[in-house]
Amino acid sequence: MTQLRLLGLSGSLRRASNSTAVLRGLQDALAPKAALDIFSLHGLPLYNEDDDGEHAPESVRALRSAIETSDGVIMARPSTITACPAS
């Protein structure tokens, strides 16, 4: 059985973020059936179409790559947790 690869995105950058804590708890709860990698959004720039495409910053390209190689994405933000299939 192939292990599911999930990507976790926290909607809070705070060091003691409850959203990030929920994702860390999910890592333990999902193992060994699924691997949940938490991707830090710290340092990710606001969207600017002028800087998109081939000119996208490395942090943006890294996030896109992480999403593309995941089976699904779990987004945790203050007050809400949402799960989406990657496809």
Protein backbone atom coordinates (compact mmCIF):
# COMPACT_ATOMS: atom_id res chain seq x y z
CA MET A 1 0.00 0.00 0.00
CA THR A 2 1.38 3.37 -1.04
CA GLN A 3 1.51 6.02 1.65
CA LEU A 4 -0.62 9.08 0.94
CA ARG A 5 1.39 12.32 0.66
CA LEU A 6 -0.39 15.35 2.05
CA LEU A 7 0.67 18.97 2.24
CA GLY A 8 -0.32 21.12 5.23
CA LEU A 9 -0.64 24.89 4.96
CA SER A 10 -1.15 27.00 8.06
CA GLY A 11 -2.99 30.29 7.65
CA SER A 12 -1.16 31.78 10.62
CA LEU A 13 2.50 32.72 10.74
CA ARG A 14 2.52 33.19 14.52
CA ARG A 15 5.15 31.09 16.32
CA ALA A 16 2.54 29.61 18.70
CA SER A 17 -0.15 29.27 16.01
CA ASN A 18 -3.10 27.05 16.85
CA SER A 19 -3.53 26.29 13.14
CA THR A 20 0.02 24.97 12.91
CA ALA A 21 -0.50 23.01 16.14
CA VAL A 22 -3.54 21.31 14.58
CA LEU A 23 -1.44 20.34 11.54
CA ARG A 24 1.29 18.93 13.79
CA GLY A 25 -1.34 16.89 15.62
CA LEU A 26 -2.63 15.59 12.31
CA GLN A 27 0.88 14.47 11.37
CA ASP A 28 0.88 12.09 14.32
CA ALA A 29 -2.75 11.01 13.87
CA LEU A 30 -2.36 10.22 10.16
CA ALA A 31 0.88 8.27 10.46
CA PRO A 32 1.68 5.71 9.10
CA LYS A 33 -1.18 5.78 6.57
CA ALA A 34 -0.30 9.26 5.34
CA ALA A 35 2.68 11.59 5.46
CA LEU A 36 1.74 15.20 6.18
CA ASP A 37 4.42 17.74 5.26
CA ILE A 38 3.83 21.20 6.71
CA PHE A 39 4.92 23.95 4.31
CA SER A 40 5.74 27.29 5.90
CA LEU A 41 4.18 30.26 4.16
CA HIS A 42 6.56 32.62 5.99
CA GLY A 43 8.42 34.69 3.41
CA LEU A 44 5.94 33.95 0.62
CA PRO A 45 5.23 37.24 -1.19
CA LEU A 46 1.79 38.66 -1.87
CA TYR A 47 0.56 37.78 -5.36
CA ASN A 48 1.79 40.08 -8.12
CA GLU A 49 0.95 39.03 -11.68
CA ASP A 50 3.99 40.96 -12.93
CA ASP A 51 6.23 38.59 -10.94
CA ASP A 52 4.42 35.39 -11.90
CA GLY A 53 5.24 32.74 -14.49
CA GLU A 54 8.91 32.41 -15.35
CA HIS A 55 9.71 35.33 -13.01
CA ALA A 56 8.07 33.77 -9.93
CA PRO A 57 10.21 33.95 -6.79
CA GLU A 58 11.84 30.72 -5.57
CA SER A 59 9.45 30.53 -2.60
CA VAL A 60 6.47 30.52 -4.98
CA ARG A 61 8.04 27.85 -7.21
CA ALA A 62 8.75 25.72 -4.12
CA LEU A 63 5.12 25.95 -2.98
CA ARG A 64 3.83 25.05 -6.45
CA SER A 65 6.17 22.06 -6.57
CA ALA A 66 5.05 20.89 -3.13
CA ILE A 67 1.41 21.10 -4.19
CA GLU A 68 2.05 19.26 -7.48
CA THR A 69 3.81 16.37 -5.74
CA SER A 70 1.12 15.97 -3.05
CA ASP A 71 -1.98 13.79 -3.16
CA GLY A 72 -3.96 16.45 -1.29
CA VAL A 73 -3.70 19.71 0.61
CA ILE A 74 -4.95 20.46 4.12
CA MET A 75 -5.33 24.16 4.88
CA ALA A 76 -5.69 25.18 8.50
CA ARG A 77 -6.57 28.74 9.31
CA PRO A 78 -7.95 30.47 12.37
CA SER A 79 -11.51 29.23 12.98
CA THR A 80 -11.58 26.80 10.03
CA ILE A 81 -9.83 23.71 8.72
CA THR A 82 -10.39 22.74 5.07
CA ALA A 83 -9.22 19.66 3.17
CA CYS A 84 -9.01 19.57 -0.64
CA PRO A 85 -8.00 16.84 -3.07
CA ALA A 86 -4.89 17.83 -5.04
CA SER A 87 -6.35 17.07 -8.46
